[in-house]
Amino acid sequence: MAMSGGVDSSVAAALLKNEGYDVIGITMKTWGFMEVGGAPKHESGCCSLDAIFDAKNVASKFDIPHYTVDFTKAFEDAVIDNFVDEYVHGRTPNPCVICNRKIKWDELLKKADSLDAFYVATGHYASIEFNEANNRYCLKNSKDDKKDQTYALWGISQESLSRTLFPLSEYTKEEVRALAEKFNLKTAKKPDSQEICFVADNNYERFLRERAPEIVSGIEEGDFIYHGEKVGRHKGIPFYTIGQRRGLNLAFGKPVYVKNIDVLNNTIELGDKEEILGSSVIANDLNYISVDNIGNGATVFAKIRYSDKPTEAIVIDEGNDFIKIQFVEKKNAITPGQSLVIYDERGYVLCGAIIQKED
């Protein structure tokens, strides 16, 4: 059981223990404030000492053996290096997707094997079903639409899904909080983490400058372009993302947004609100979950970021490792590097992929 020290994984561990599972608690140490900076007045949140102690406290309460495992090197190689590289190349990464696939499942399953454990379990809000008709493990929306986390889970393999338990799939967040109170857990009122775990201060520019000074020092300023005209200077490609409005330091008398990032020419194109709306998208690094293909012309429902709502779209082109879809209604700020996650009308995740460009 992956125990982060938060209320969700704490309740999930308690539920499994009460259902008769032989539970082993694992807290994954993947980073520290000494390495990533941005520390608040005291360490809190995922991977902090507070989180480890909270997980150990819950494990002790339910007589669950608990271990803290150092995945720092694997996390640095798979997640943090990718995060830096994507921003340097003008893309906006989603580190949670990479972490889920390569750390929380790949590395955790290796640890499970070493402990003779078959299943891995987490406190994610998602549901897994097995479809005998197509012999696939399916990923489906959780009961709580507001907390559903399927968007960040699309990269998990069929093998990993076959060995995964989501104890919270049939609970809402309010019900989980109530269970935590009932179980008298220390984590019952612990607030949810909001930002990317290793950028606790939410300052990506600070993180990039501290993490990769040798790369950032070579980044040059460039031109802001608005309707074909140079209107100012930007401070470097990595410090902007599609759809960004704040922090441009330009006086237009109206809101303008980052429309396009041209790495080759070191320019950032700005546009008005309606100009950052897109109707079609191409994505690759495709991973099918509930089906093994969709088919051109199929009607689906898709999200382009975690906070987005799935909206209707048509599959225009589908290959071995890419997919192109067209939205019925335009989406706001389709961003390279983010994930495109495609659902059916019932909430099953059909597939996911990494957005390459708005087409």
Protein backbone atom coordinates (compact mmCIF):
# COMPACT_ATOMS: atom_id res chain seq x y z
CA MET A 1 0.00 0.00 0.00
CA ALA A 2 1.50 3.31 -1.14
CA MET A 3 1.12 5.56 1.91
CA SER A 4 1.88 9.22 1.28
CA GLY A 5 0.85 10.40 4.73
CA GLY A 6 -2.32 11.98 3.38
CA VAL A 7 -5.91 11.22 4.30
CA ASP A 8 -6.70 9.30 1.10
CA SER A 9 -3.94 6.69 1.33
CA SER A 10 -4.47 6.43 5.10
CA VAL A 11 -8.14 5.54 4.68
CA ALA A 12 -7.34 3.22 1.76
CA ALA A 13 -4.87 1.31 3.95
CA ALA A 14 -7.43 1.05 6.76
CA LEU A 15 -10.11 -0.23 4.37
CA LEU A 16 -7.82 -2.93 2.98
CA LYS A 17 -6.77 -4.02 6.46
CA ASN A 18 -10.42 -4.24 7.56
CA GLU A 19 -11.25 -6.29 4.46
CA GLY A 20 -8.70 -8.90 5.49
CA TYR A 21 -5.81 -8.08 3.19
CA ASP A 22 -2.26 -8.64 4.39
CA VAL A 23 -1.15 -5.03 4.05
CA ILE A 24 2.42 -3.68 3.90
CA GLY A 25 2.75 0.09 3.97
CA ILE A 26 5.33 1.76 1.73
CA THR A 27 6.16 5.46 1.80
CA MET A 28 8.16 6.53 -1.23
CA LYS A 29 10.86 9.12 -0.63
CA THR A 30 11.30 10.69 -4.06
CA TRP A 31 12.72 14.17 -3.32
CA GLY A 32 13.66 16.54 -0.51
CA PHE A 33 13.67 20.32 -0.08
CA MET A 34 17.46 20.26 0.11
CA GLU A 35 17.52 19.02 -3.50
CA VAL A 36 14.60 20.96 -5.05
CA GLY A 37 14.44 24.16 -2.96
CA GLY A 38 11.34 26.23 -2.33
CA ALA A 39 10.98 24.97 1.22
CA PRO A 40 8.33 26.56 3.43
CA LYS A 41 9.02 27.37 7.08
CA HIS A 42 8.74 23.69 7.90
CA GLU A 43 8.68 20.59 5.76
CA SER A 44 5.19 19.38 5.00
CA GLY A 45 3.40 17.66 2.15
CA CYS A 46 4.38 14.66 0.07
CA CYS A 47 7.80 13.15 0.84
CA SER A 48 8.44 15.42 3.84
CA LEU A 49 9.37 14.13 7.29
CA ASP A 50 5.88 15.11 8.49
CA ALA A 51 4.32 12.96 5.76
CA ILE A 52 6.51 9.96 6.59
CA PHE A 53 5.68 10.22 10.29
CA ASP A 54 1.94 10.57 9.52
CA ALA A 55 2.03 7.43 7.36
CA LYS A 56 3.94 5.54 10.02
CA ASN A 57 1.43 6.66 12.65
CA VAL A 58 -1.53 5.31 10.63
CA ALA A 59 0.31 2.07 9.84
CA SER A 60 1.08 1.53 13.53
CA LYS A 61 -2.56 2.14 14.47
CA PHE A 62 -3.69 -0.72 12.20
CA ASP A 63 -0.73 -2.99 12.92
CA ILE A 64 0.58 -2.59 9.37
CA PRO A 65 4.32 -3.03 8.82
CA HIS A 66 5.66 0.17 7.32
CA TYR A 67 8.77 0.93 5.29
CA THR A 68 10.16 4.12 3.81
CA VAL A 69 11.83 3.42 0.47
CA ASP A 70 14.29 5.74 -1.26
CA PHE A 71 13.25 6.23 -4.89
CA THR A 72 15.08 9.57 -5.17
CA LYS A 73 17.43 8.56 -8.00
CA ALA A 74 14.69 6.93 -10.08
CA PHE A 75 12.43 9.96 -9.54
CA GLU A 76 15.19 12.38 -10.49
CA ASP A 77 16.00 10.49 -13.69
CA ALA A 78 12.42 9.83 -14.81
CA VAL A 79 10.46 12.82 -13.55
CA ILE A 80 12.59 15.83 -12.63
CA ASP A 81 14.97 15.60 -15.61
CA ASN A 82 11.99 15.25 -17.94
CA PHE A 83 10.32 18.25 -16.28
CA VAL A 84 13.33 20.46 -16.91
CA ASP A 85 13.88 19.20 -20.46
CA GLU A 86 10.26 19.79 -21.48
CA TYR A 87 10.23 23.39 -20.26
CA VAL A 88 13.58 24.10 -21.93
CA HIS A 89 12.05 22.93 -25.22
CA GLY A 90 9.00 25.14 -24.88
CA ARG A 91 6.59 22.49 -23.67
CA THR A 92 4.56 22.22 -20.47
CA PRO A 93 5.04 18.80 -18.83
CA ASN A 94 2.70 16.85 -16.60
CA PRO A 95 5.07 15.19 -14.10
CA CYS A 96 2.28 13.33 -12.29
CA VAL A 97 1.66 11.21 -15.41
CA ILE A 98 5.34 10.26 -15.64
CA CYS A 99 5.57 9.63 -11.89
CA ASN A 100 2.52 7.38 -11.86
CA ARG A 101 3.80 5.21 -14.67
CA LYS A 102 7.51 5.02 -13.92
CA ILE A 103 7.67 5.45 -10.15
CA LYS A 104 4.40 4.72 -8.39
CA TRP A 105 3.83 1.61 -10.47
CA ASP A 106 7.05 0.40 -12.13
CA GLU A 107 9.23 0.91 -9.07
CA LEU A 108 6.52 0.00 -6.57
CA LEU A 109 5.77 -3.28 -8.36
CA LYS A 110 9.46 -4.18 -8.20
CA LYS A 111 9.33 -3.56 -4.46
CA ALA A 112 6.13 -5.60 -4.18
CA ASP A 113 7.84 -8.52 -5.92
CA SER A 114 10.73 -8.34 -3.47
CA LEU A 115 8.23 -8.58 -0.59
CA ASP A 116 6.20 -11.40 -2.19
CA ALA A 117 3.20 -9.09 -2.51
CA PHE A 118 0.96 -9.43 -5.57
CA TYR A 119 -1.09 -6.24 -5.48
CA VAL A 120 -0.12 -2.61 -5.17
CA ALA A 121 -2.75 -0.22 -3.86
CA THR A 122 -3.01 3.57 -3.77
CA GLY A 123 -5.44 6.22 -2.55
CA HIS A 124 -6.31 7.42 -6.06
CA TYR A 125 -9.91 8.19 -6.96
CA ALA A 126 -10.39 5.83 -9.89
CA SER A 127 -11.91 2.43 -10.65
CA ILE A 128 -10.59 -0.71 -12.33
CA GLU A 129 -12.76 -3.36 -14.02
CA PHE A 130 -11.87 -6.41 -16.09
CA ASN A 131 -13.67 -6.76 -19.42
CA GLU A 132 -13.83 -10.43 -20.40
CA ALA A 133 -15.08 -9.54 -23.89
CA ASN A 134 -11.79 -7.94 -24.93
CA ASN A 135 -9.59 -9.36 -22.17
CA ARG A 136 -8.54 -5.92 -20.95
CA TYR A 137 -8.34 -4.18 -17.61
CA CYS A 138 -10.40 -1.01 -17.84
CA LEU A 139 -9.88 2.29 -16.06
CA LYS A 140 -13.06 4.17 -15.20
CA ASN A 141 -14.03 7.41 -13.49
CA SER A 142 -14.42 7.21 -9.72
CA LYS A 143 -17.64 7.89 -7.87
CA ASP A 144 -16.45 11.40 -7.03
CA ASP A 145 -16.27 13.37 -10.30
CA LYS A 146 -14.67 16.36 -8.56
CA LYS A 147 -11.76 14.27 -7.25
CA ASP A 148 -11.47 11.80 -10.14
CA GLN A 149 -7.80 11.14 -10.97
CA THR A 150 -8.05 9.01 -14.11
CA TYR A 151 -6.52 11.86 -16.14
CA ALA A 152 -3.14 11.29 -14.49
CA LEU A 153 -3.34 7.47 -14.67
CA TRP A 154 -3.58 6.89 -18.44
CA GLY A 155 0.05 5.77 -18.76
CA ILE A 156 -0.34 2.67 -16.59
CA SER A 157 0.13 -0.63 -18.45
CA GLN A 158 -2.30 -3.54 -18.58
CA GLU A 159 0.12 -5.63 -16.53
CA SER A 160 0.25 -2.95 -13.83
CA LEU A 161 -3.55 -2.51 -13.80
CA SER A 162 -3.97 -6.27 -13.34
CA ARG A 163 -2.08 -5.95 -10.06
CA THR A 164 -3.64 -2.71 -8.79
CA LEU A 165 -6.29 -1.98 -6.17
CA PHE A 166 -8.08 1.36 -5.76
CA PRO A 167 -9.91 1.03 -2.41
CA LEU A 168 -11.48 4.52 -2.73
CA SER A 169 -13.17 3.91 -6.09
CA GLU A 170 -16.66 3.84 -4.56
CA TYR A 171 -16.18 6.74 -2.14
CA THR A 172 -16.45 10.51 -2.39
CA LYS A 173 -13.91 12.76 -0.73
CA GLU A 174 -16.49 13.71 1.91
CA GLU A 175 -17.08 10.04 2.69
CA VAL A 176 -13.34 9.42 2.95
CA ARG A 177 -12.98 12.31 5.42
CA ALA A 178 -15.86 10.86 7.43
CA LEU A 179 -14.21 7.43 7.49
CA ALA A 180 -10.95 9.00 8.65
CA GLU A 181 -12.83 10.60 11.55
CA LYS A 182 -14.52 7.28 12.31
CA PHE A 183 -11.16 5.49 12.31
CA ASN A 184 -9.75 8.32 14.46
CA LEU A 185 -6.88 8.87 12.05
CA LYS A 186 -4.34 11.60 12.63
CA THR A 187 -4.66 12.54 8.96
CA ALA A 188 -8.45 13.05 9.03
CA LYS A 189 -8.32 16.84 8.62
CA LYS A 190 -5.04 17.05 6.75
CA PRO A 191 -5.46 19.37 3.72
CA ASP A 192 -4.95 18.07 0.20
CA SER A 193 -1.74 18.95 -1.60
CA GLN A 194 -2.43 21.37 -4.45
CA GLU A 195 0.74 21.94 -6.44
CA ILE A 196 3.33 19.72 -8.12
CA CYS A 197 5.00 18.02 -5.17
CA PHE A 198 8.62 18.94 -5.87
CA VAL A 199 7.79 22.59 -6.67
CA ALA A 200 6.12 23.29 -3.34
CA ASP A 201 6.21 27.07 -3.77
CA ASN A 202 4.66 26.78 -7.26
CA ASN A 203 7.52 28.88 -8.64
CA TYR A 204 8.63 27.00 -11.75
CA GLU A 205 11.07 29.72 -12.81
CA ARG A 206 12.85 29.58 -9.45
CA PHE A 207 12.99 25.79 -9.68
CA LEU A 208 14.42 25.77 -13.21
CA ARG A 209 17.04 28.41 -12.40
CA GLU A 210 18.18 26.52 -9.30
CA ARG A 211 17.90 23.03 -10.75
CA ALA A 212 19.61 23.60 -14.10
CA PRO A 213 21.70 26.80 -13.81
CA GLU A 214 24.11 25.67 -16.54
CA ILE A 215 21.20 25.32 -18.97
CA VAL A 216 19.25 28.39 -17.88
CA SER A 217 22.35 30.60 -18.04
CA GLY A 218 22.53 29.94 -21.77
CA ILE A 219 18.90 30.84 -22.41
CA GLU A 220 18.49 34.08 -24.31
CA GLU A 221 15.78 36.70 -24.28
CA GLY A 222 13.62 36.96 -27.38
CA ASP A 223 10.76 38.83 -29.00
CA PHE A 224 7.11 38.88 -28.10
CA ILE A 225 5.08 38.98 -31.31
CA TYR A 226 1.48 40.22 -31.44
CA HIS A 227 -0.37 40.18 -34.76
CA GLY A 228 2.93 40.15 -36.65
CA GLU A 229 4.52 43.04 -34.75
CA LYS A 230 7.28 42.98 -32.13
CA VAL A 231 5.77 44.30 -28.91
CA GLY A 232 8.40 43.54 -26.29
CA ARG A 233 11.00 41.10 -25.01
CA HIS A 234 10.51 37.82 -23.20
CA LYS A 235 12.98 36.53 -20.61
CA GLY A 236 13.39 33.04 -22.05
CA ILE A 237 11.33 30.28 -23.67
CA PRO A 238 11.20 27.97 -20.59
CA PHE A 239 9.43 30.55 -18.44
CA TYR A 240 6.18 30.65 -20.41
CA THR A 241 3.35 28.30 -21.26
CA ILE A 242 0.49 28.32 -23.74
CA GLY A 243 -2.48 30.30 -22.45
CA GLN A 244 -0.42 32.28 -19.92
CA ARG A 245 -1.71 35.80 -19.23
CA ARG A 246 0.02 36.88 -16.02
CA GLY A 247 3.69 37.79 -15.80
CA LEU A 248 4.12 39.01 -19.36
CA ASN A 249 4.96 42.56 -18.17
CA LEU A 250 3.36 44.18 -21.20
CA ALA A 251 0.95 47.12 -21.19
CA PHE A 252 -1.83 46.41 -23.69
CA GLY A 253 -4.83 47.85 -21.91
CA LYS A 254 -6.49 44.45 -22.36
CA PRO A 255 -5.65 40.84 -21.57
CA VAL A 256 -3.35 39.05 -24.03
CA TYR A 257 -2.24 35.46 -23.86
CA VAL A 258 0.65 33.25 -24.97
CA LYS A 259 -0.61 31.71 -28.20
CA ASN A 260 2.47 29.93 -29.56
CA ILE A 261 6.06 29.25 -28.47
CA ASP A 262 8.57 29.10 -31.34
CA VAL A 263 11.73 27.52 -29.95
CA LEU A 264 13.57 27.59 -33.28
CA ASN A 265 13.21 31.36 -33.69
CA ASN A 266 13.14 32.12 -29.95
CA THR A 267 9.87 34.04 -30.25
CA ILE A 268 6.64 33.93 -28.30
CA GLU A 269 3.45 34.77 -30.18
CA LEU A 270 0.69 36.50 -28.25
CA GLY A 271 -3.01 36.56 -29.06
CA ASP A 272 -6.40 37.62 -27.83
CA LYS A 273 -8.64 35.29 -25.83
CA GLU A 274 -10.47 33.91 -28.85
CA GLU A 275 -7.17 33.28 -30.64
CA ILE A 276 -5.97 30.69 -28.14
CA LEU A 277 -9.02 28.48 -28.71
CA GLY A 278 -8.24 25.32 -30.69
CA SER A 279 -10.44 22.76 -32.40
CA SER A 280 -8.09 19.84 -33.12
CA VAL A 281 -5.04 18.24 -31.57
CA ILE A 282 -2.40 15.64 -32.42
CA ALA A 283 -0.93 13.53 -29.61
CA ASN A 284 1.56 10.67 -29.50
CA ASP A 285 3.11 8.17 -27.06
CA LEU A 286 -0.30 6.55 -27.15
CA ASN A 287 -1.38 4.07 -24.48
CA TYR A 288 -4.66 2.18 -24.86
CA ILE A 289 -6.43 1.06 -21.72
CA SER A 290 -10.08 -0.02 -21.95
CA VAL A 291 -9.82 -0.80 -25.70
CA ASP A 292 -7.05 -1.76 -28.11
CA ASN A 293 -8.14 0.81 -30.71
CA ILE A 294 -10.89 3.36 -31.29
CA GLY A 295 -11.31 3.84 -35.04
CA ASN A 296 -11.52 6.86 -37.31
CA GLY A 297 -14.84 8.68 -37.15
CA ALA A 298 -15.66 7.52 -33.62
CA THR A 299 -17.27 9.97 -31.21
CA VAL A 300 -15.36 10.27 -27.94
CA PHE A 301 -14.99 12.64 -24.99
CA ALA A 302 -11.59 14.16 -24.22
CA LYS A 303 -9.67 16.26 -21.69
CA ILE A 304 -6.55 18.32 -22.43
CA ARG A 305 -5.57 19.12 -18.82
CA TYR A 306 -6.35 17.86 -15.33
CA SER A 307 -8.88 20.61 -14.55
CA ASP A 308 -10.59 20.29 -17.93
CA LYS A 309 -13.95 18.60 -18.43
CA PRO A 310 -14.29 15.80 -21.02
CA THR A 311 -16.05 17.23 -24.07
CA GLU A 312 -17.24 15.67 -27.29
CA ALA A 313 -14.76 15.09 -30.11
CA ILE A 314 -14.35 13.05 -33.29
CA VAL A 315 -11.37 10.80 -34.04
CA ILE A 316 -9.89 12.11 -37.30
CA ASP A 317 -6.82 9.92 -37.63
CA GLU A 318 -5.45 7.07 -35.54
CA GLY A 319 -2.08 5.37 -35.97
CA ASN A 320 0.10 2.96 -34.05
CA ASP A 321 1.49 5.64 -31.75
CA PHE A 322 -0.52 8.79 -32.45
CA ILE A 323 -4.07 10.06 -32.55
CA LYS A 324 -5.70 13.17 -33.96
CA ILE A 325 -9.08 14.36 -32.76
CA GLN A 326 -11.32 17.31 -33.51
CA PHE A 327 -13.43 18.86 -30.78
CA VAL A 328 -17.07 19.71 -31.40
CA GLU A 329 -16.55 22.89 -29.37
CA LYS A 330 -13.15 24.58 -29.26
CA LYS A 331 -10.84 24.04 -26.29
CA ASN A 332 -8.92 26.75 -24.47
CA ALA A 333 -5.10 26.76 -24.74
CA ILE A 334 -4.21 23.33 -26.11
CA THR A 335 -0.71 22.90 -24.68
CA PRO A 336 2.13 20.69 -26.01
CA GLY A 337 3.49 18.43 -23.27
CA GLN A 338 0.18 18.08 -21.47
CA SER A 339 -1.88 14.89 -21.74
CA LEU A 340 -4.81 14.18 -24.01
CA VAL A 341 -7.04 11.65 -22.27
CA ILE A 342 -9.93 10.13 -24.19
CA TYR A 343 -13.06 8.64 -22.57
CA ASP A 344 -16.25 7.02 -23.78
CA GLU A 345 -19.70 8.28 -22.79
CA ARG A 346 -19.73 6.03 -19.69
CA GLY A 347 -16.48 7.41 -18.25
CA TYR A 348 -14.12 4.59 -19.26
CA VAL A 349 -10.62 5.73 -20.25
CA LEU A 350 -10.08 4.57 -23.81
CA CYS A 351 -6.54 5.87 -24.15
CA GLY A 352 -4.15 8.69 -23.36
CA ALA A 353 -1.28 10.39 -25.14
CA ILE A 354 1.07 13.38 -24.95
CA ILE A 355 -0.07 16.47 -26.84
CA GLN A 356 2.34 17.40 -29.62
CA LYS A 357 0.55 20.34 -31.15
CA GLU A 358 -2.72 22.00 -31.88
CA ASP A 359 -3.38 21.14 -35.51
